Amino acid sequence: MKPTFKSFASGLLGLVVLVLTGCEKNDTRVVFEGGTAPILSATTTAVRLTPATEESVAIRFRWTNPDYRLNTGISSADVVYTLELDTLGGNFSSARRFQTTLQGNLDRVFTERELNGILGNDMRLTFGRTYTMQARVTSNLNNNPAAARLRSNVINFTATPFAPPPKVPLPTTNQLFIVGNATPGGWNNPVPVPSQQLTQVSPTLYQITLALTGGGSYLILPTNGQWAKYGTVGGNNSNDPFGGEFRQEGGDFLAPPTSGNYRMTFDFQTGTFTVVRL
């Protein structure tokens, strides 16, 4: 009996070791062990922006690979880079900050047209004024963005934006009207004038002060009596009632939830609108 039991026990021990070994192999974890912060450089420190050369390269940013180290070895897979631009003193936390995300790229080229549009329309910098801009790159791994975040050095460059074409095409009529059940005139088209006609404050800016019905909807019309329109960029009533982006042939705007008098501003240069209660 003893030899039989010993053989059985020996076999059982071998099975346990085999199971534990298998579990150990399946439990191997990939651990982030470090990397080197990217080094950022640019082709110029004085960017030229002119309407005559909009298709030319304005600036090219390059950065080095952070060479992420994992316990399984060096990895360059799934590296995401975020390139940020801000004005000097904004510290990459101002409301004007611009950022773009790239998967695996080690450079980013901006044409004069693209960079001028970013500075003028997205960052809303003053046209004709020279700014000192700052740029930096942040890298991270897709599967662990917090632990693997590495930031580059900051570089400066100067640029003077000029007025780019408006983000939203202007009404050829140079007029705008508001229609909808959020307005006193309802969805009747043509709308009452002059009470529901917007005022042209500048070539790209229109405003109106109007009593709005809370929770209603509205559209902006370039021609009174026709249904060509400007609306929200999303589906009907999907916008923030107090501001956001708009476009040609967009969806119905959602009015603020509370009835009252509001000043509504539509900025075609930036493609944005604001609604402020008075």
Protein backbone atom coordinates (compact mmCIF):
# COMPACT_ATOMS: atom_id res chain seq x y z
CA MET A 1 0.00 0.00 0.00
CA LYS A 2 2.82 2.49 0.78
CA PRO A 3 4.38 2.42 -2.69
CA THR A 4 0.93 3.01 -4.21
CA PHE A 5 0.22 6.02 -1.95
CA LYS A 6 3.67 7.48 -2.61
CA SER A 7 3.15 7.24 -6.35
CA PHE A 8 -0.25 8.91 -6.05
CA ALA A 9 1.10 11.73 -3.87
CA SER A 10 4.01 12.32 -6.25
CA GLY A 11 1.63 12.59 -9.19
CA LEU A 12 -0.66 14.98 -7.31
CA LEU A 13 2.27 17.25 -6.40
CA GLY A 14 3.34 17.37 -10.05
CA LEU A 15 -0.17 18.39 -11.07
CA VAL A 16 -0.25 21.22 -8.48
CA VAL A 17 3.13 22.54 -9.70
CA LEU A 18 1.87 22.42 -13.29
CA VAL A 19 -1.30 24.37 -12.41
CA LEU A 20 0.61 26.99 -10.43
CA THR A 21 3.13 27.42 -13.23
CA GLY A 22 0.31 27.90 -15.74
CA CYS A 23 -1.38 30.51 -13.54
CA GLU A 24 1.90 32.35 -13.09
CA LYS A 25 2.43 32.58 -16.87
CA ASN A 26 -1.13 33.79 -17.50
CA ASP A 27 -0.80 36.46 -14.78
CA THR A 28 2.17 38.26 -16.42
CA ARG A 29 1.48 42.02 -16.29
CA VAL A 30 2.90 44.76 -18.51
CA VAL A 31 4.37 47.47 -16.28
CA PHE A 32 5.41 50.98 -17.35
CA GLU A 33 8.98 51.59 -16.18
CA GLY A 34 9.69 55.05 -17.60
CA GLY A 35 10.77 57.02 -20.66
CA THR A 36 12.43 60.22 -21.84
CA ALA A 37 10.45 63.44 -22.25
CA PRO A 38 10.13 64.41 -25.93
CA ILE A 39 12.38 67.22 -27.18
CA LEU A 40 10.39 69.70 -29.26
CA SER A 41 11.84 71.86 -32.05
CA ALA A 42 10.44 74.07 -34.83
CA THR A 43 11.62 75.21 -38.24
CA THR A 44 11.25 78.92 -37.38
CA THR A 45 10.76 81.31 -34.47
CA ALA A 46 9.15 84.02 -36.63
CA VAL A 47 6.15 82.76 -38.59
CA ARG A 48 5.05 84.68 -41.67
CA LEU A 49 1.31 84.83 -42.35
CA THR A 50 0.10 86.61 -45.50
CA PRO A 51 -3.00 86.15 -47.69
CA ALA A 52 -0.84 85.79 -50.81
CA THR A 53 1.03 82.70 -49.59
CA GLU A 54 -1.63 80.84 -47.63
CA GLU A 55 -0.72 77.42 -49.05
CA SER A 56 2.94 77.72 -48.01
CA VAL A 57 4.28 75.99 -44.89
CA ALA A 58 4.13 78.34 -41.93
CA ILE A 59 5.89 76.16 -39.35
CA ARG A 60 6.82 72.54 -38.77
CA PHE A 61 7.09 71.09 -35.29
CA ARG A 62 9.23 68.01 -34.65
CA TRP A 63 9.76 66.02 -31.47
CA THR A 64 11.75 63.00 -30.38
CA ASN A 65 10.38 59.59 -29.49
CA PRO A 66 9.95 59.23 -25.70
CA ASP A 67 11.16 55.60 -25.91
CA TYR A 68 8.73 54.25 -23.37
CA ARG A 69 10.21 51.39 -21.35
CA LEU A 70 7.99 48.52 -20.27
CA ASN A 71 8.95 45.44 -18.32
CA THR A 72 8.55 43.62 -21.64
CA GLY A 73 11.02 45.96 -23.39
CA ILE A 74 11.08 49.30 -25.25
CA SER A 75 7.79 50.15 -26.94
CA SER A 76 6.78 52.82 -29.44
CA ALA A 77 3.33 51.32 -30.09
CA ASP A 78 0.15 53.18 -29.14
CA VAL A 79 1.98 56.44 -28.35
CA VAL A 80 -0.34 59.45 -28.48
CA TYR A 81 1.00 63.00 -28.78
CA THR A 82 -0.88 66.18 -27.90
CA LEU A 83 0.49 69.39 -29.42
CA GLU A 84 -0.62 72.53 -27.57
CA LEU A 85 -0.43 76.20 -28.56
CA ASP A 86 -1.06 79.16 -26.26
CA THR A 87 -0.10 82.80 -26.00
CA LEU A 88 2.89 83.77 -23.84
CA GLY A 89 1.69 83.95 -20.24
CA GLY A 90 -1.30 81.68 -20.87
CA ASN A 91 0.61 78.71 -19.41
CA PHE A 92 -1.37 76.30 -21.60
CA SER A 93 -4.41 76.80 -19.40
CA SER A 94 -6.03 79.88 -20.93
CA ALA A 95 -9.40 79.87 -22.68
CA ARG A 96 -7.50 80.53 -25.93
CA ARG A 97 -5.40 77.36 -25.76
CA PHE A 98 -5.46 75.19 -28.88
CA GLN A 99 -4.56 71.51 -28.96
CA THR A 100 -4.47 68.73 -31.50
CA THR A 101 -3.89 65.00 -30.96
CA LEU A 102 -1.75 62.77 -33.16
CA GLN A 103 -1.31 59.00 -33.11
CA GLY A 104 2.33 57.98 -33.46
CA ASN A 105 3.46 61.03 -35.46
CA LEU A 106 6.75 62.73 -34.64
CA ASP A 107 5.98 65.98 -36.46
CA ARG A 108 3.14 68.34 -37.40
CA VAL A 109 3.14 70.78 -40.32
CA PHE A 110 0.88 73.84 -40.44
CA THR A 111 0.26 75.81 -43.62
CA GLU A 112 -0.17 79.56 -43.34
CA ARG A 113 -3.88 79.18 -44.03
CA GLU A 114 -4.32 76.54 -41.31
CA LEU A 115 -2.27 78.29 -38.64
CA ASN A 116 -3.86 81.66 -39.39
CA GLY A 117 -7.31 80.11 -39.03
CA ILE A 118 -6.32 78.56 -35.69
CA LEU A 119 -4.97 81.84 -34.34
CA GLY A 120 -7.78 84.01 -35.69
CA ASN A 121 -10.88 81.81 -35.53
CA ASP A 122 -10.15 79.13 -32.91
CA MET A 123 -7.98 81.13 -30.50
CA ARG A 124 -9.71 84.42 -31.37
CA LEU A 125 -6.56 86.51 -31.39
CA THR A 126 -6.70 90.10 -32.64
CA PHE A 127 -5.99 90.43 -36.34
CA GLY A 128 -2.93 92.51 -37.20
CA ARG A 129 -1.34 92.16 -33.76
CA THR A 130 1.94 90.31 -33.27
CA TYR A 131 1.82 87.62 -30.59
CA THR A 132 4.50 85.56 -28.93
CA MET A 133 3.14 82.03 -29.03
CA GLN A 134 4.24 79.00 -27.04
CA ALA A 135 4.14 75.34 -28.03
CA ARG A 136 4.71 72.05 -26.22
CA VAL A 137 4.06 68.34 -26.78
CA THR A 138 2.73 65.82 -24.28
CA SER A 139 3.07 62.09 -24.90
CA ASN A 140 1.28 59.19 -23.29
CA LEU A 141 0.48 55.54 -23.84
CA ASN A 142 -3.06 54.73 -24.90
CA ASN A 143 -3.56 52.10 -22.24
CA ASN A 144 -2.10 54.15 -19.37
CA PRO A 145 -2.28 57.90 -20.14
CA ALA A 146 -1.86 59.13 -16.57
CA ALA A 147 1.16 57.11 -15.47
CA ALA A 148 2.94 57.42 -18.81
CA ARG A 149 2.50 61.17 -19.39
CA LEU A 150 5.68 62.97 -20.45
CA ARG A 151 5.93 66.67 -21.40
CA SER A 152 8.41 68.30 -23.74
CA ASN A 153 10.25 71.57 -23.45
CA VAL A 154 8.36 74.76 -24.37
CA ILE A 155 9.37 76.72 -27.47
CA ASN A 156 8.36 80.26 -28.50
CA PHE A 157 7.55 81.73 -31.90
CA THR A 158 5.94 84.96 -33.11
CA ALA A 159 3.00 85.30 -35.49
CA THR A 160 0.66 88.05 -36.68
CA PRO A 161 -2.74 86.70 -37.76
CA PHE A 162 -4.71 88.39 -40.52
CA ALA A 163 -8.48 88.21 -40.95
CA PRO A 164 -9.24 84.78 -42.45
CA PRO A 165 -12.50 83.95 -44.22
CA PRO A 166 -15.36 83.53 -41.72
CA LYS A 167 -15.85 79.98 -40.47
CA VAL A 168 -19.53 80.23 -41.45
CA PRO A 169 -20.42 81.78 -44.83
CA LEU A 170 -22.01 85.20 -44.44
CA PRO A 171 -25.59 85.86 -45.58
CA THR A 172 -25.43 87.31 -49.09
CA THR A 173 -28.47 89.41 -48.19
CA ASN A 174 -26.55 91.15 -45.35
CA GLN A 175 -29.68 90.50 -43.29
CA LEU A 176 -30.77 87.99 -40.67
CA PHE A 177 -34.15 87.19 -39.13
CA ILE A 178 -35.21 84.90 -36.30
CA VAL A 179 -38.15 82.49 -36.48
CA GLY A 180 -39.53 79.76 -34.18
CA ASN A 181 -41.88 79.01 -31.34
CA ALA A 182 -39.36 80.55 -28.94
CA THR A 183 -40.08 83.93 -30.58
CA PRO A 184 -43.18 86.17 -30.40
CA GLY A 185 -43.96 85.47 -34.07
CA GLY A 186 -43.85 81.68 -33.74
CA TRP A 187 -43.03 79.62 -36.83
CA ASN A 188 -44.85 82.03 -39.14
CA ASN A 189 -42.59 82.95 -42.05
CA PRO A 190 -42.21 85.80 -42.99
CA VAL A 191 -41.53 87.01 -39.46
CA PRO A 192 -42.56 90.36 -37.94
CA VAL A 193 -40.14 93.18 -38.77
CA PRO A 194 -38.31 95.07 -37.47
CA SER A 195 -38.83 93.29 -34.13
CA GLN A 196 -37.40 89.97 -35.33
CA GLN A 197 -34.67 91.28 -37.59
CA LEU A 198 -31.09 91.12 -36.30
CA THR A 199 -28.79 94.13 -36.32
CA GLN A 200 -25.51 93.91 -38.24
CA VAL A 201 -22.93 95.13 -35.70
CA SER A 202 -19.92 94.48 -37.98
CA PRO A 203 -19.38 92.66 -41.29
CA THR A 204 -19.31 89.31 -39.45
CA LEU A 205 -21.35 90.00 -36.27
CA TYR A 206 -25.14 90.13 -35.82
CA GLN A 207 -27.19 90.74 -32.66
CA ILE A 208 -30.78 90.94 -31.49
CA THR A 209 -32.48 91.55 -28.15
CA LEU A 210 -35.72 89.62 -27.92
CA ALA A 211 -38.23 88.10 -25.50
CA LEU A 212 -37.80 84.33 -25.77
CA THR A 213 -40.21 81.63 -24.63
CA GLY A 214 -38.36 79.21 -22.37
CA GLY A 215 -37.68 75.79 -23.84
CA GLY A 216 -38.81 76.76 -27.34
CA SER A 217 -36.91 76.45 -30.60
CA TYR A 218 -35.73 78.88 -33.27
CA LEU A 219 -33.75 79.27 -36.49
CA ILE A 220 -31.91 82.17 -38.13
CA LEU A 221 -32.97 83.09 -41.67
CA PRO A 222 -30.95 85.07 -44.22
CA THR A 223 -34.12 85.93 -46.17
CA ASN A 224 -37.45 86.74 -44.55
CA GLY A 225 -40.14 84.50 -45.98
CA GLN A 226 -37.78 81.72 -47.13
CA TRP A 227 -36.48 78.64 -45.30
CA ALA A 228 -32.77 78.80 -46.09
CA LYS A 229 -31.36 78.84 -42.56
CA TYR A 230 -28.57 78.82 -40.03
CA GLY A 231 -28.87 76.36 -37.14
CA THR A 232 -26.99 74.40 -34.51
CA VAL A 233 -24.19 72.05 -35.58
CA GLY A 234 -25.89 69.04 -34.00
CA GLY A 235 -29.39 67.64 -34.27
CA ASN A 236 -32.50 69.64 -33.45
CA ASN A 237 -32.42 71.17 -29.94
CA SER A 238 -29.09 69.47 -29.12
CA ASN A 239 -27.20 72.71 -28.40
CA ASP A 240 -26.28 74.42 -25.16
CA PRO A 241 -29.08 77.07 -24.95
CA PHE A 242 -26.57 79.76 -23.92
CA GLY A 243 -24.01 79.34 -26.68
CA GLY A 244 -22.03 77.13 -28.98
CA GLU A 245 -21.36 76.64 -32.68
CA PHE A 246 -23.69 77.12 -35.63
CA ARG A 247 -23.63 76.36 -39.37
CA GLN A 248 -25.59 76.70 -42.58
CA GLU A 249 -28.62 74.40 -42.77
CA GLY A 250 -28.13 73.28 -39.17
CA GLY A 251 -30.72 71.96 -36.73
CA ASP A 252 -33.19 73.94 -34.64
CA PHE A 253 -31.65 75.96 -31.82
CA LEU A 254 -32.94 75.23 -28.31
CA ALA A 255 -33.80 78.40 -26.36
CA PRO A 256 -32.91 78.84 -22.66
CA PRO A 257 -35.28 77.06 -20.26
CA THR A 258 -36.60 80.26 -18.65
CA SER A 259 -38.68 82.83 -20.52
CA GLY A 260 -37.31 86.37 -20.54
CA ASN A 261 -35.41 89.00 -22.48
CA TYR A 262 -32.15 87.85 -24.04
CA ARG A 263 -29.37 89.35 -26.12
CA MET A 264 -28.39 86.93 -28.89
CA THR A 265 -25.11 87.31 -30.77
CA PHE A 266 -24.04 85.40 -33.89
CA ASP A 267 -20.37 85.63 -34.85
CA PHE A 268 -19.76 84.34 -38.37
CA GLN A 269 -16.00 84.86 -38.09
CA THR A 270 -15.71 82.21 -35.38
CA GLY A 271 -18.91 80.30 -36.17
CA THR A 272 -20.20 80.74 -32.62
CA PHE A 273 -23.27 82.24 -30.91
CA THR A 274 -24.07 83.42 -27.39
CA VAL A 275 -27.39 83.95 -25.60
CA VAL A 276 -27.32 86.21 -22.51
CA ARG A 277 -30.28 86.97 -20.25
CA LEU A 278 -30.80 90.68 -19.56
